[in-house]
Amino acid sequence: MSELMDGSDSFVKVTIYGQEYTIKAPADATYIKNIAEYVDMKMREVQDEMNTPQVPAKVAILAAMNISDELFSNKRTTEKMKNEVEGKISSLIEIVDEVIQQ
């Protein structure tokens, strides 16, 4: 390899849907492997739902759509919780302000 590594990057071999990939990973190797296992699992779930074998690109796109749906759903849930917490904090601040002013 002709690239200079800054010491924080590592290379991790992972297998996704039967294909081996070498990933340059600035993160922990275990974390990268966990992500790859998750993607592999989602692709296999997609294929299992199909009646006939599909080309890997189609499976990957459908798996990406499913993963994106999970991400968007989690973002909505997180935003909703954040708004609820902010509302409760505002209410508590009002109560504390009232107690301090007495």
C-alpha atoms as a PDB file:
ATOM      1  CA  MET A   1       0.000   0.000   0.000  1.00  0.00           C
ATOM      2  CA  SER A   2       1.356   3.371  -0.939  1.00  0.00           C
ATOM      3  CA  GLU A   3      -0.937   5.321   1.391  1.00  0.00           C
ATOM      4  CA  LEU A   4       0.574   6.601   4.571  1.00  0.00           C
ATOM      5  CA  MET A   5      -1.419   5.685   7.622  1.00  0.00           C
ATOM      6  CA  ASP A   6      -1.613   8.155  10.477  1.00  0.00           C
ATOM      7  CA  GLY A   7      -1.639   5.360  13.025  1.00  0.00           C
ATOM      8  CA  SER A   8      -5.326   5.616  13.876  1.00  0.00           C
ATOM      9  CA  ASP A   9      -6.592   3.813  10.784  1.00  0.00           C
ATOM     10  CA  SER A  10      -6.766   0.050  10.598  1.00  0.00           C
ATOM     11  CA  PHE A  11      -7.895  -2.378   7.952  1.00  0.00           C
ATOM     12  CA  VAL A  12     -10.652  -4.827   8.789  1.00  0.00           C
ATOM     13  CA  LYS A  13     -11.770  -7.770   6.690  1.00  0.00           C
ATOM     14  CA  VAL A  14     -15.508  -8.343   6.729  1.00  0.00           C
ATOM     15  CA  THR A  15     -17.882 -10.575   4.810  1.00  0.00           C
ATOM     16  CA  ILE A  16     -21.214  -9.220   3.661  1.00  0.00           C
ATOM     17  CA  TYR A  17     -23.602 -11.421   1.738  1.00  0.00           C
ATOM     18  CA  GLY A  18     -20.843 -13.825   0.787  1.00  0.00           C
ATOM     19  CA  GLN A  19     -18.430 -11.157  -0.440  1.00  0.00           C
ATOM     20  CA  GLU A  20     -15.253 -10.293   1.449  1.00  0.00           C
ATOM     21  CA  TYR A  21     -14.324  -6.628   1.825  1.00  0.00           C
ATOM     22  CA  THR A  22     -11.315  -4.935   3.355  1.00  0.00           C
ATOM     23  CA  ILE A  23     -12.433  -1.749   5.053  1.00  0.00           C
ATOM     24  CA  LYS A  24     -10.129   1.087   6.053  1.00  0.00           C
ATOM     25  CA  ALA A  25     -11.520   1.872   9.432  1.00  0.00           C
ATOM     26  CA  PRO A  26     -10.660   4.803  11.671  1.00  0.00           C
ATOM     27  CA  ALA A  27     -12.949   3.229  14.257  1.00  0.00           C
ATOM     28  CA  ASP A  28     -12.625   0.170  16.439  1.00  0.00           C
ATOM     29  CA  ALA A  29     -12.395  -3.027  14.364  1.00  0.00           C
ATOM     30  CA  THR A  30     -15.092  -4.715  16.441  1.00  0.00           C
ATOM     31  CA  TYR A  31     -17.457  -1.838  15.733  1.00  0.00           C
ATOM     32  CA  ILE A  32     -16.856  -2.154  11.980  1.00  0.00           C
ATOM     33  CA  LYS A  33     -17.382  -5.922  12.149  1.00  0.00           C
ATOM     34  CA  ASN A  34     -20.658  -5.399  14.016  1.00  0.00           C
ATOM     35  CA  ILE A  35     -21.870  -2.999  11.338  1.00  0.00           C
ATOM     36  CA  ALA A  36     -20.934  -5.477   8.601  1.00  0.00           C
ATOM     37  CA  GLU A  37     -22.749  -8.291  10.424  1.00  0.00           C
ATOM     38  CA  TYR A  38     -25.836  -6.098  10.711  1.00  0.00           C
ATOM     39  CA  VAL A  39     -25.804  -5.257   6.991  1.00  0.00           C
ATOM     40  CA  ASP A  40     -25.285  -8.934   6.168  1.00  0.00           C
ATOM     41  CA  MET A  41     -28.219  -9.890   8.398  1.00  0.00           C
ATOM     42  CA  LYS A  42     -30.484  -7.272   6.803  1.00  0.00           C
ATOM     43  CA  MET A  43     -29.561  -8.439   3.295  1.00  0.00           C
ATOM     44  CA  ARG A  44     -30.278 -12.051   4.231  1.00  0.00           C
ATOM     45  CA  GLU A  45     -33.639 -11.026   5.726  1.00  0.00           C
ATOM     46  CA  VAL A  46     -34.551  -9.345   2.441  1.00  0.00           C
ATOM     47  CA  GLN A  47     -33.565 -12.397   0.418  1.00  0.00           C
ATOM     48  CA  ASP A  48     -35.483 -14.690   2.791  1.00  0.00           C
ATOM     49  CA  GLU A  49     -38.643 -12.648   2.123  1.00  0.00           C
ATOM     50  CA  MET A  50     -38.302 -13.077  -1.654  1.00  0.00           C
ATOM     51  CA  ASN A  51     -39.684 -16.115  -3.463  1.00  0.00           C
ATOM     52  CA  THR A  52     -36.681 -16.495  -5.762  1.00  0.00           C
ATOM     53  CA  PRO A  53     -32.985 -15.632  -5.488  1.00  0.00           C
ATOM     54  CA  GLN A  54     -32.306 -11.993  -6.360  1.00  0.00           C
ATOM     55  CA  VAL A  55     -29.218 -10.248  -7.686  1.00  0.00           C
ATOM     56  CA  PRO A  56     -27.087  -8.898  -4.822  1.00  0.00           C
ATOM     57  CA  ALA A  57     -27.512  -5.282  -5.973  1.00  0.00           C
ATOM     58  CA  LYS A  58     -31.296  -5.509  -5.643  1.00  0.00           C
ATOM     59  CA  VAL A  59     -30.993  -7.168  -2.231  1.00  0.00           C
ATOM     60  CA  ALA A  60     -28.538  -4.469  -1.131  1.00  0.00           C
ATOM     61  CA  ILE A  61     -30.861  -1.659  -2.236  1.00  0.00           C
ATOM     62  CA  LEU A  62     -33.855  -3.181  -0.479  1.00  0.00           C
ATOM     63  CA  ALA A  63     -31.757  -3.780   2.658  1.00  0.00           C
ATOM     64  CA  ALA A  64     -30.561  -0.163   2.512  1.00  0.00           C
ATOM     65  CA  MET A  65     -34.177   0.970   2.309  1.00  0.00           C
ATOM     66  CA  ASN A  66     -35.056  -1.132   5.375  1.00  0.00           C
ATOM     67  CA  ILE A  67     -32.052   0.188   7.320  1.00  0.00           C
ATOM     68  CA  SER A  68     -32.919   3.756   6.310  1.00  0.00           C
ATOM     69  CA  ASP A  69     -36.499   3.228   7.475  1.00  0.00           C
ATOM     70  CA  GLU A  70     -35.157   2.101  10.867  1.00  0.00           C
ATOM     71  CA  LEU A  71     -32.904   5.161  11.022  1.00  0.00           C
ATOM     72  CA  PHE A  72     -35.686   7.608  10.146  1.00  0.00           C
ATOM     73  CA  SER A  73     -38.066   5.942  12.607  1.00  0.00           C
ATOM     74  CA  ASN A  74     -35.449   6.143  15.380  1.00  0.00           C
ATOM     75  CA  LYS A  75     -34.790   9.792  14.552  1.00  0.00           C
ATOM     76  CA  ARG A  76     -38.511  10.573  14.811  1.00  0.00           C
ATOM     77  CA  THR A  77     -38.725   8.766  18.151  1.00  0.00           C
ATOM     78  CA  THR A  78     -35.620  10.529  19.456  1.00  0.00           C
ATOM     79  CA  GLU A  79     -36.929  13.934  18.359  1.00  0.00           C
ATOM     80  CA  LYS A  80     -40.274  13.248  20.021  1.00  0.00           C
ATOM     81  CA  MET A  81     -38.564  12.240  23.282  1.00  0.00           C
ATOM     82  CA  LYS A  82     -36.275  15.278  23.094  1.00  0.00           C
ATOM     83  CA  ASN A  83     -39.286  17.583  22.717  1.00  0.00           C
ATOM     84  CA  GLU A  84     -41.064  15.900  25.637  1.00  0.00           C
ATOM     85  CA  VAL A  85     -37.986  16.230  27.853  1.00  0.00           C
ATOM     86  CA  GLU A  86     -37.506  19.878  26.857  1.00  0.00           C
ATOM     87  CA  GLY A  87     -41.156  20.554  27.705  1.00  0.00           C
ATOM     88  CA  LYS A  88     -40.802  18.929  31.116  1.00  0.00           C
ATOM     89  CA  ILE A  89     -37.584  20.827  31.807  1.00  0.00           C
ATOM     90  CA  SER A  90     -39.295  24.103  30.891  1.00  0.00           C
ATOM     91  CA  SER A  91     -42.132  23.276  33.283  1.00  0.00           C
ATOM     92  CA  LEU A  92     -39.685  22.455  36.072  1.00  0.00           C
ATOM     93  CA  ILE A  93     -37.767  25.693  35.465  1.00  0.00           C
ATOM     94  CA  GLU A  94     -41.028  27.641  35.758  1.00  0.00           C
ATOM     95  CA  ILE A  95     -41.820  25.900  39.050  1.00  0.00           C
ATOM     96  CA  VAL A  96     -38.325  26.558  40.410  1.00  0.00           C
ATOM     97  CA  ASP A  97     -38.539  30.202  39.339  1.00  0.00           C
ATOM     98  CA  GLU A  98     -41.889  30.549  41.140  1.00  0.00           C
ATOM     99  CA  VAL A  99     -40.458  28.992  44.303  1.00  0.00           C
ATOM    100  CA  ILE A 100     -37.381  31.265  44.179  1.00  0.00           C
ATOM    101  CA  GLN A 101     -39.532  34.382  43.702  1.00  0.00           C
ATOM    102  CA  GLN A 102     -41.627  33.607  46.799  1.00  0.00           C
END
